[in-house]
Amino acid sequence: MSEPRVPGARGGEVSLPCGESVAVAELDMGVREFDCDCGARHAVVMDVHPPSRFVPESLVAILRETIDSTDGEEFDTMHLMGVVLEEFPEKIVSEDVSEDSSVGYALLWIADFDARRLHEIVVELVVELMEHAVSHADDAATESEFEEQMHAFDVEEFVDRYRRERDFEHETDTPA
């Protein structure tokens, strides 16, 4: 006999890329990663996390000004994670949990890698987006200068410094 379900009640689970699963109720809005039964740490991103979790607000503002999203919405975390999901479809799961009114978020992404590695990937992909945008500029000197700067850009160092400034060990970190 099936158990009755109450709409919007807690209880859903998300199947992870590693084959394990996690209860949605275990993932509150402050969670950035968790230790899985498979032995790995998995990064967690929610639609309520701002894009400044990964890059400074000033860069988010530039991305919002220059990127026209296909859905007409302002560039945000959903778009960032869409780019990551496109690059790593087997390493990211996304889940619409909007029916679960008890969790406080609607979209959830869980990666097969930890939060730091996800952060590096997001930054690398943002740099690629910027390089692509600059390549369409009519100014060859600007394009050349930008490419030079990007070749000197150290993603790992940026992520280290940004994570130190953001203080990711606490749930109350603030944008840089």
N, C-alpha and C. Protein backbone atom coordinates (compact mmCIF):
# COMPACT_ATOMS: atom_id res chain seq x y z
N MET A 1 0.84 -1.17 0.00
CA MET A 1 0.00 0.00 0.00
C MET A 1 0.89 1.24 0.00
N SER A 2 0.58 2.22 -0.83
CA SER A 2 1.41 3.42 -0.91
C SER A 2 1.13 4.34 0.27
N GLU A 3 2.16 5.10 0.64
CA GLU A 3 2.01 6.06 1.72
C GLU A 3 1.44 7.35 1.19
N PRO A 4 0.52 7.98 1.93
CA PRO A 4 0.00 9.27 1.47
C PRO A 4 1.11 10.32 1.56
N ARG A 5 1.10 11.26 0.59
CA ARG A 5 2.10 12.34 0.57
C ARG A 5 1.38 13.66 0.67
N VAL A 6 1.93 14.55 1.44
CA VAL A 6 1.37 15.88 1.57
C VAL A 6 2.14 16.80 0.62
N PRO A 7 1.45 17.52 -0.27
CA PRO A 7 2.17 18.43 -1.18
C PRO A 7 2.99 19.43 -0.39
N GLY A 8 4.22 19.67 -0.85
CA GLY A 8 5.10 20.63 -0.21
C GLY A 8 5.77 20.11 1.04
N ALA A 9 5.56 18.86 1.39
CA ALA A 9 6.17 18.31 2.61
C ALA A 9 7.61 17.90 2.34
N ARG A 10 8.41 17.91 3.39
CA ARG A 10 9.79 17.46 3.28
C ARG A 10 9.84 15.98 2.98
N GLY A 11 10.95 15.56 2.42
CA GLY A 11 11.08 14.13 2.22
C GLY A 11 11.73 13.76 0.91
N GLY A 12 11.88 14.71 0.00
CA GLY A 12 12.48 14.40 -1.28
C GLY A 12 13.97 14.13 -1.15
N GLU A 13 14.45 13.32 -2.06
CA GLU A 13 15.88 13.02 -2.11
C GLU A 13 16.41 13.37 -3.49
N VAL A 14 17.69 13.70 -3.55
CA VAL A 14 18.36 14.00 -4.80
C VAL A 14 19.38 12.92 -5.06
N SER A 15 19.34 12.33 -6.24
CA SER A 15 20.35 11.35 -6.64
C SER A 15 21.60 12.11 -7.06
N LEU A 16 22.74 11.72 -6.52
CA LEU A 16 23.99 12.42 -6.76
C LEU A 16 24.77 11.78 -7.92
N PRO A 17 25.70 12.53 -8.50
CA PRO A 17 26.51 11.99 -9.60
C PRO A 17 27.30 10.74 -9.20
N CYS A 18 27.62 10.61 -7.91
CA CYS A 18 28.40 9.47 -7.43
C CYS A 18 27.57 8.21 -7.24
N GLY A 19 26.24 8.34 -7.35
CA GLY A 19 25.37 7.19 -7.16
C GLY A 19 24.66 7.18 -5.81
N GLU A 20 25.13 7.98 -4.88
CA GLU A 20 24.47 8.09 -3.57
C GLU A 20 23.28 9.04 -3.71
N SER A 21 22.59 9.29 -2.62
CA SER A 21 21.52 10.28 -2.62
C SER A 21 21.57 11.05 -1.31
N VAL A 22 20.94 12.23 -1.33
CA VAL A 22 20.90 13.06 -0.13
C VAL A 22 19.49 13.62 0.00
N ALA A 23 19.00 13.70 1.23
CA ALA A 23 17.69 14.28 1.49
C ALA A 23 17.75 15.79 1.31
N VAL A 24 16.81 16.33 0.58
CA VAL A 24 16.75 17.77 0.35
C VAL A 24 16.68 18.51 1.69
N ALA A 25 15.99 17.95 2.65
CA ALA A 25 15.84 18.57 3.97
C ALA A 25 17.17 18.76 4.69
N GLU A 26 18.20 18.01 4.30
CA GLU A 26 19.52 18.15 4.93
C GLU A 26 20.31 19.33 4.39
N LEU A 27 19.84 19.93 3.32
CA LEU A 27 20.59 20.98 2.63
C LEU A 27 19.95 22.34 2.87
N ASP A 28 20.34 22.98 3.97
CA ASP A 28 19.79 24.31 4.21
C ASP A 28 20.56 25.34 3.39
N MET A 29 20.07 26.58 3.37
CA MET A 29 20.62 27.60 2.49
C MET A 29 22.07 27.97 2.80
N GLY A 30 22.57 27.63 3.95
CA GLY A 30 23.94 27.93 4.30
C GLY A 30 24.94 26.87 3.85
N VAL A 31 24.46 25.74 3.37
CA VAL A 31 25.34 24.64 2.98
C VAL A 31 26.04 24.98 1.66
N ARG A 32 27.36 24.85 1.65
CA ARG A 32 28.15 25.07 0.44
C ARG A 32 28.73 23.75 -0.09
N GLU A 33 28.87 22.79 0.81
CA GLU A 33 29.33 21.45 0.44
C GLU A 33 29.01 20.51 1.59
N PHE A 34 29.07 19.22 1.32
CA PHE A 34 28.82 18.25 2.39
C PHE A 34 29.65 17.00 2.12
N ASP A 35 29.92 16.27 3.20
CA ASP A 35 30.63 14.99 3.10
C ASP A 35 29.61 13.92 2.76
N CYS A 36 29.88 13.21 1.69
CA CYS A 36 28.96 12.18 1.19
C CYS A 36 29.37 10.81 1.70
N ASP A 37 28.43 9.89 1.71
CA ASP A 37 28.70 8.51 2.09
C ASP A 37 29.70 7.85 1.15
N CYS A 38 29.86 8.40 -0.07
CA CYS A 38 30.82 7.84 -1.03
C CYS A 38 32.26 8.19 -0.66
N GLY A 39 32.44 9.08 0.32
CA GLY A 39 33.77 9.48 0.75
C GLY A 39 34.24 10.81 0.18
N ALA A 40 33.50 11.37 -0.75
CA ALA A 40 33.87 12.65 -1.37
C ALA A 40 33.10 13.80 -0.73
N ARG A 41 33.59 15.00 -0.97
CA ARG A 41 32.87 16.22 -0.60
C ARG A 41 32.20 16.74 -1.87
N HIS A 42 30.92 17.06 -1.78
CA HIS A 42 30.17 17.56 -2.93
C HIS A 42 29.79 19.02 -2.72
N ALA A 43 30.04 19.84 -3.74
CA ALA A 43 29.64 21.24 -3.71
C ALA A 43 28.13 21.34 -3.85
N VAL A 44 27.56 22.33 -3.18
CA VAL A 44 26.13 22.58 -3.23
C VAL A 44 25.92 24.05 -3.60
N VAL A 45 25.05 24.29 -4.57
CA VAL A 45 24.68 25.65 -4.96
C VAL A 45 23.17 25.70 -5.04
N MET A 46 22.61 26.81 -4.59
CA MET A 46 21.17 27.01 -4.65
C MET A 46 20.87 28.30 -5.39
N ASP A 47 19.68 28.40 -5.94
CA ASP A 47 19.33 29.60 -6.68
C ASP A 47 19.37 30.85 -5.81
N VAL A 48 19.25 30.72 -4.51
CA VAL A 48 19.29 31.88 -3.62
C VAL A 48 20.72 32.36 -3.34
N HIS A 49 21.72 31.56 -3.71
CA HIS A 49 23.10 32.00 -3.55
C HIS A 49 23.40 33.02 -4.65
N PRO A 50 23.94 34.17 -4.30
CA PRO A 50 24.22 35.18 -5.31
C PRO A 50 25.43 34.79 -6.16
N PRO A 51 25.52 35.30 -7.39
CA PRO A 51 26.69 35.03 -8.22
C PRO A 51 27.98 35.54 -7.55
N SER A 52 27.84 36.49 -6.65
CA SER A 52 29.02 37.01 -5.95
C SER A 52 29.59 35.98 -4.98
N ARG A 53 28.98 34.84 -4.87
CA ARG A 53 29.60 33.73 -4.14
C ARG A 53 30.90 33.34 -4.84
N PHE A 54 30.95 33.55 -6.16
CA PHE A 54 32.09 33.12 -6.97
C PHE A 54 32.98 34.27 -7.46
N VAL A 55 32.38 35.40 -7.76
CA VAL A 55 33.13 36.54 -8.30
C VAL A 55 32.64 37.83 -7.65
N PRO A 56 33.47 38.88 -7.64
CA PRO A 56 33.09 40.13 -6.98
C PRO A 56 31.83 40.77 -7.60
N GLU A 57 31.11 41.51 -6.75
CA GLU A 57 29.89 42.21 -7.18
C GLU A 57 30.14 43.09 -8.40
N SER A 58 31.31 43.73 -8.46
CA SER A 58 31.60 44.61 -9.60
C SER A 58 31.62 43.82 -10.91
N LEU A 59 32.13 42.61 -10.88
CA LEU A 59 32.14 41.77 -12.08
C LEU A 59 30.73 41.25 -12.38
N VAL A 60 29.97 40.94 -11.36
CA VAL A 60 28.58 40.52 -11.55
C VAL A 60 27.80 41.63 -12.26
N ALA A 61 28.03 42.87 -11.85
CA ALA A 61 27.35 44.01 -12.49
C ALA A 61 27.72 44.10 -13.97
N ILE A 62 28.98 43.89 -14.30
CA ILE A 62 29.42 43.92 -15.70
C ILE A 62 28.78 42.78 -16.48
N LEU A 63 28.76 41.59 -15.89
CA LEU A 63 28.13 40.45 -16.56
C LEU A 63 26.65 40.71 -16.82
N ARG A 64 25.98 41.33 -15.86
CA ARG A 64 24.56 41.63 -16.01
C ARG A 64 24.32 42.67 -17.11
N GLU A 65 25.25 43.60 -17.24
CA GLU A 65 25.12 44.63 -18.28
C GLU A 65 25.37 44.07 -19.67
N THR A 66 26.28 43.12 -19.78
CA THR A 66 26.74 42.68 -21.10
C THR A 66 26.13 41.38 -21.60
N ILE A 67 25.59 40.56 -20.72
CA ILE A 67 25.06 39.26 -21.15
C ILE A 67 23.55 39.33 -21.21
N ASP A 68 23.04 39.04 -22.39
CA ASP A 68 21.59 38.91 -22.58
C ASP A 68 21.25 37.44 -22.42
N SER A 69 20.49 37.12 -21.41
CA SER A 69 20.12 35.72 -21.21
C SER A 69 18.96 35.38 -22.13
N THR A 70 18.87 34.12 -22.49
CA THR A 70 17.81 33.68 -23.40
C THR A 70 16.44 33.70 -22.75
N ASP A 71 16.41 33.69 -21.41
CA ASP A 71 15.13 33.70 -20.73
C ASP A 71 14.66 35.11 -20.35
N GLY A 72 15.48 36.13 -20.70
CA GLY A 72 15.10 37.51 -20.41
C GLY A 72 15.33 37.92 -18.97
N GLU A 73 15.77 37.01 -18.15
CA GLU A 73 16.04 37.31 -16.74
C GLU A 73 17.44 37.88 -16.58
N GLU A 74 17.65 38.59 -15.49
CA GLU A 74 18.96 39.13 -15.17
C GLU A 74 19.95 37.99 -14.94
N PHE A 75 21.17 38.14 -15.42
CA PHE A 75 22.21 37.14 -15.23
C PHE A 75 22.39 36.87 -13.74
N ASP A 76 22.29 35.61 -13.35
CA ASP A 76 22.40 35.26 -11.94
C ASP A 76 23.02 33.88 -11.77
N THR A 77 22.90 33.34 -10.59
CA THR A 77 23.49 32.04 -10.27
C THR A 77 22.94 30.94 -11.17
N MET A 78 21.67 31.02 -11.51
CA MET A 78 21.08 30.00 -12.39
C MET A 78 21.82 29.97 -13.73
N HIS A 79 22.19 31.13 -14.26
CA HIS A 79 22.89 31.19 -15.53
C HIS A 79 24.33 30.67 -15.38
N LEU A 80 24.99 31.04 -14.28
CA LEU A 80 26.34 30.52 -14.03
C LEU A 80 26.33 29.00 -13.96
N MET A 81 25.38 28.46 -13.21
CA MET A 81 25.33 27.01 -13.06
C MET A 81 24.90 26.33 -14.35
N GLY A 82 24.13 27.02 -15.17
CA GLY A 82 23.79 26.48 -16.48
C GLY A 82 25.02 26.29 -17.35
N VAL A 83 25.95 27.26 -17.26
CA VAL A 83 27.21 27.15 -18.02
C VAL A 83 28.04 25.99 -17.49
N VAL A 84 28.09 25.85 -16.17
CA VAL A 84 28.84 24.73 -15.56
C VAL A 84 28.20 23.40 -15.96
N LEU A 85 26.89 23.33 -15.88
CA LEU A 85 26.18 22.10 -16.23
C LEU A 85 26.40 21.72 -17.69
N GLU A 86 26.47 22.73 -18.55
CA GLU A 86 26.73 22.48 -19.97
C GLU A 86 28.12 21.88 -20.19
N GLU A 87 29.10 22.34 -19.42
CA GLU A 87 30.47 21.85 -19.54
C GLU A 87 30.68 20.50 -18.86
N PHE A 88 29.94 20.24 -17.78
CA PHE A 88 30.14 19.04 -16.98
C PHE A 88 28.80 18.33 -16.72
N PRO A 89 28.11 17.89 -17.77
CA PRO A 89 26.78 17.32 -17.56
C PRO A 89 26.76 16.05 -16.69
N GLU A 90 27.84 15.28 -16.68
CA GLU A 90 27.86 14.07 -15.86
C GLU A 90 28.31 14.33 -14.43
N LYS A 91 28.83 15.54 -14.17
CA LYS A 91 29.39 15.85 -12.86
C LYS A 91 28.50 16.75 -12.01
N ILE A 92 27.38 17.19 -12.57
CA ILE A 92 26.47 18.08 -11.85
C ILE A 92 25.06 17.53 -11.96
N VAL A 93 24.34 17.52 -10.85
CA VAL A 93 22.91 17.24 -10.90
C VAL A 93 22.18 18.52 -10.52
N SER A 94 21.08 18.75 -11.18
CA SER A 94 20.24 19.89 -10.80
C SER A 94 18.87 19.35 -10.44
N GLU A 95 18.25 20.02 -9.52
CA GLU A 95 16.96 19.54 -9.03
C GLU A 95 16.05 20.74 -8.78
N ASP A 96 14.83 20.66 -9.27
CA ASP A 96 13.81 21.65 -8.99
C ASP A 96 13.08 21.19 -7.73
N VAL A 97 13.27 21.94 -6.65
CA VAL A 97 12.64 21.58 -5.39
C VAL A 97 11.60 22.62 -4.99
N SER A 98 11.10 23.33 -5.98
CA SER A 98 10.15 24.41 -5.71
C SER A 98 8.86 23.92 -5.06
N GLU A 99 8.54 22.65 -5.21
CA GLU A 99 7.33 22.09 -4.57
C GLU A 99 7.52 21.87 -3.07
N ASP A 100 8.78 21.87 -2.62
CA ASP A 100 9.06 21.66 -1.20
C ASP A 100 9.14 23.03 -0.52
N SER A 101 8.04 23.47 0.00
CA SER A 101 7.95 24.83 0.58
C SER A 101 8.73 24.99 1.88
N SER A 102 9.31 23.95 2.38
CA SER A 102 10.01 24.03 3.66
C SER A 102 11.50 24.34 3.53
N VAL A 103 12.05 24.34 2.31
CA VAL A 103 13.50 24.48 2.19
C VAL A 103 13.98 25.90 1.93
N GLY A 104 13.17 26.76 1.35
CA GLY A 104 13.58 28.16 1.15
C GLY A 104 14.30 28.45 -0.15
N TYR A 105 14.43 27.48 -1.00
CA TYR A 105 15.05 27.67 -2.31
C TYR A 105 14.28 26.83 -3.32
N ALA A 106 14.45 27.14 -4.61
CA ALA A 106 13.69 26.43 -5.63
C ALA A 106 14.57 25.53 -6.49
N LEU A 107 15.80 25.96 -6.75
CA LEU A 107 16.70 25.19 -7.60
C LEU A 107 17.95 24.80 -6.81
N LEU A 108 18.43 23.62 -7.07
CA LEU A 108 19.57 23.06 -6.35
C LEU A 108 20.50 22.39 -7.35
N TRP A 109 21.80 22.64 -7.20
CA TRP A 109 22.81 21.96 -8.00
C TRP A 109 23.80 21.31 -7.04
N ILE A 110 24.16 20.07 -7.31
CA ILE A 110 25.16 19.37 -6.50
C ILE A 110 26.20 18.82 -7.47
N ALA A 111 27.47 19.09 -7.15
CA ALA A 111 28.58 18.70 -8.02
C ALA A 111 29.27 17.46 -7.50
N ASP A 112 29.91 16.77 -8.40
CA ASP A 112 30.70 15.59 -8.05
C ASP A 112 32.04 15.99 -7.45
N PHE A 113 32.34 17.29 -7.41
CA PHE A 113 33.59 17.78 -6.84
C PHE A 113 33.27 18.76 -5.72
N ASP A 114 34.30 19.13 -4.96
CA ASP A 114 34.08 19.98 -3.79
C ASP A 114 33.84 21.44 -4.17
N ALA A 115 33.49 22.26 -3.17
CA ALA A 115 33.12 23.65 -3.40
C ALA A 115 34.28 24.47 -3.96
N ARG A 116 35.49 24.18 -3.52
CA ARG A 116 36.64 24.94 -4.03
C ARG A 116 36.86 24.66 -5.51
N ARG A 117 36.80 23.40 -5.89
CA ARG A 117 36.98 23.06 -7.32
C ARG A 117 35.85 23.66 -8.16
N LEU A 118 34.63 23.62 -7.66
CA LEU A 118 33.53 24.26 -8.37
C LEU A 118 33.79 25.75 -8.54
N HIS A 119 34.30 26.38 -7.50
CA HIS A 119 34.61 27.81 -7.56
C HIS A 119 35.63 28.07 -8.68
N GLU A 120 36.67 27.27 -8.75
CA GLU A 120 37.67 27.42 -9.81
C GLU A 120 37.03 27.26 -11.19
N ILE A 121 36.17 26.26 -11.33
CA ILE A 121 35.51 26.02 -12.62
C ILE A 121 34.65 27.21 -13.02
N VAL A 122 33.88 27.75 -12.08
CA VAL A 122 33.04 28.91 -12.38
C VAL A 122 33.90 30.08 -12.84
N VAL A 123 34.99 30.34 -12.15
CA VAL A 123 35.86 31.46 -12.53
C VAL A 123 36.46 31.21 -13.92
N GLU A 124 36.92 29.99 -14.17
CA GLU A 124 37.47 29.66 -15.50
C GLU A 124 36.43 29.89 -16.59
N LEU A 125 35.19 29.50 -16.35
CA LEU A 125 34.14 29.67 -17.34
C LEU A 125 33.75 31.13 -17.52
N VAL A 126 33.78 31.91 -16.45
CA VAL A 126 33.51 33.35 -16.57
C VAL A 126 34.60 34.01 -17.41
N VAL A 127 35.85 33.62 -17.19
CA VAL A 127 36.95 34.16 -18.00
C VAL A 127 36.74 33.80 -19.47
N GLU A 128 36.33 32.56 -19.74
CA GLU A 128 36.05 32.16 -21.13
C GLU A 128 34.93 33.00 -21.74
N LEU A 129 33.87 33.26 -20.95
CA LEU A 129 32.78 34.12 -21.44
C LEU A 129 33.30 35.51 -21.77
N MET A 130 34.14 36.04 -20.90
CA MET A 130 34.70 37.37 -21.13
C MET A 130 35.61 37.38 -22.36
N GLU A 131 36.43 36.35 -22.51
CA GLU A 131 37.30 36.27 -23.68
C GLU A 131 36.48 36.21 -24.97
N HIS A 132 35.40 35.45 -24.92
CA HIS A 132 34.53 35.35 -26.10
C HIS A 132 33.91 36.71 -26.42
N ALA A 133 33.45 37.41 -25.40
CA ALA A 133 32.84 38.73 -25.62
C ALA A 133 33.84 39.71 -26.20
N VAL A 134 35.05 39.71 -25.65
CA VAL A 134 36.08 40.63 -26.13
C VAL A 134 36.50 40.29 -27.55
N SER A 135 36.46 39.01 -27.91
CA SER A 135 36.85 38.61 -29.26
C SER A 135 35.90 39.18 -30.32
N HIS A 136 34.71 39.59 -29.90
CA HIS A 136 33.76 40.19 -30.83
C HIS A 136 33.88 41.71 -30.87
N ALA A 137 34.80 42.26 -30.10
CA ALA A 137 35.01 43.72 -30.10
C ALA A 137 35.67 44.14 -31.41
N ASP A 138 35.43 45.36 -31.78
CA ASP A 138 36.00 45.89 -33.02
C ASP A 138 37.40 46.46 -32.81
N ASP A 139 37.89 46.38 -31.61
CA ASP A 139 39.19 46.98 -31.27
C ASP A 139 40.22 45.87 -31.03
N ALA A 140 41.10 45.65 -31.99
CA ALA A 140 42.11 44.59 -31.90
C ALA A 140 43.07 44.84 -30.74
N ALA A 141 43.39 46.10 -30.46
CA ALA A 141 44.30 46.42 -29.37
C ALA A 141 43.69 46.02 -28.02
N THR A 142 42.41 46.30 -27.85
CA THR A 142 41.72 45.93 -26.61
C THR A 142 41.70 44.41 -26.47
N GLU A 143 41.40 43.73 -27.55
CA GLU A 143 41.36 42.27 -27.52
C GLU A 143 42.72 41.70 -27.16
N SER A 144 43.77 42.23 -27.75
CA SER A 144 45.12 41.75 -27.48
C SER A 144 45.52 42.01 -26.03
N GLU A 145 45.21 43.20 -25.53
CA GLU A 145 45.54 43.54 -24.14
C GLU A 145 44.78 42.65 -23.16
N PHE A 146 43.50 42.42 -23.46
CA PHE A 146 42.69 41.57 -22.59
C PHE A 146 43.24 40.15 -22.57
N GLU A 147 43.56 39.62 -23.74
CA GLU A 147 44.11 38.26 -23.80
C GLU A 147 45.41 38.15 -23.02
N GLU A 148 46.22 39.18 -23.10
CA GLU A 148 47.48 39.20 -22.35
C GLU A 148 47.20 39.15 -20.84
N GLN A 149 46.25 39.96 -20.41
CA GLN A 149 45.90 39.98 -18.98
C GLN A 149 45.32 38.64 -18.53
N MET A 150 44.53 38.02 -19.38
CA MET A 150 43.92 36.74 -19.00
C MET A 150 44.95 35.61 -18.94
N HIS A 151 45.97 35.69 -19.78
CA HIS A 151 47.03 34.67 -19.72
C HIS A 151 47.83 34.80 -18.43
N ALA A 152 47.89 36.01 -17.89
CA ALA A 152 48.61 36.23 -16.63
C ALA A 152 47.72 35.98 -15.41
N PHE A 153 46.43 35.84 -15.62
CA PHE A 153 45.47 35.65 -14.53
C PHE A 153 45.61 34.25 -13.95
N ASP A 154 45.79 34.19 -12.65
CA ASP A 154 45.96 32.92 -11.94
C ASP A 154 44.65 32.57 -11.23
N VAL A 155 43.91 31.65 -11.79
CA VAL A 155 42.60 31.28 -11.25
C VAL A 155 42.73 30.76 -9.82
N GLU A 156 43.69 29.89 -9.57
CA GLU A 156 43.84 29.33 -8.22
C GLU A 156 44.13 30.41 -7.19
N GLU A 157 45.01 31.35 -7.53
CA GLU A 157 45.32 32.45 -6.61
C GLU A 157 44.10 33.33 -6.38
N PHE A 158 43.36 33.62 -7.45
CA PHE A 158 42.14 34.42 -7.32
C PHE A 158 41.17 33.74 -6.37
N VAL A 159 40.93 32.44 -6.58
CA VAL A 159 39.98 31.70 -5.75
C VAL A 159 40.45 31.67 -4.30
N ASP A 160 41.75 31.43 -4.07
CA ASP A 160 42.28 31.45 -2.70
C ASP A 160 41.99 32.79 -2.01
N ARG A 161 42.33 33.86 -2.67
CA ARG A 161 42.16 35.20 -2.09
C ARG A 161 40.68 35.52 -1.90
N TYR A 162 39.88 35.20 -2.89
CA TYR A 162 38.45 35.52 -2.81
C TYR A 162 37.79 34.74 -1.68
N ARG A 163 38.14 33.48 -1.55
CA ARG A 163 37.55 32.67 -0.49
C ARG A 163 37.99 33.13 0.89
N ARG A 164 39.24 33.60 1.00
CA ARG A 164 39.69 34.17 2.28
C ARG A 164 38.88 35.42 2.62
N GLU A 165 38.69 36.30 1.63
CA GLU A 165 37.94 37.54 1.85
C GLU A 165 36.48 37.25 2.16
N ARG A 166 35.92 36.25 1.53
CA ARG A 166 34.50 35.93 1.73
C ARG A 166 34.27 35.15 3.02
N ASP A 167 35.30 34.51 3.57
CA ASP A 167 35.17 33.75 4.81
C ASP A 167 34.10 32.67 4.68
N PHE A 168 34.34 31.72 3.79
CA PHE A 168 33.36 30.68 3.50
C PHE A 168 33.14 29.69 4.64
N GLU A 169 33.87 29.83 5.71
CA GLU A 169 33.66 28.91 6.81
C GLU A 169 32.40 29.25 7.62
N HIS A 170 31.85 30.44 7.41
CA HIS A 170 30.67 30.85 8.16
C HIS A 170 29.50 31.05 7.21
N GLU A 171 28.30 30.80 7.72
CA GLU A 171 27.10 30.94 6.90
C GLU A 171 26.76 32.39 6.61
N THR A 172 27.38 33.33 7.30
CA THR A 172 27.03 34.74 7.13
C THR A 172 28.06 35.50 6.31
N ASP A 173 28.76 34.84 5.40
CA ASP A 173 29.74 35.54 4.57
C ASP A 173 29.02 36.62 3.75
N THR A 174 29.77 37.64 3.37
CA THR A 174 29.18 38.74 2.60
C THR A 174 29.95 38.94 1.32
N PRO A 175 29.29 39.50 0.29
CA PRO A 175 29.97 39.71 -1.00
C PRO A 175 31.17 40.62 -0.87
N ALA A 176 32.15 40.37 -1.71
CA ALA A 176 33.34 41.22 -1.73
C ALA A 176 33.15 42.34 -2.75
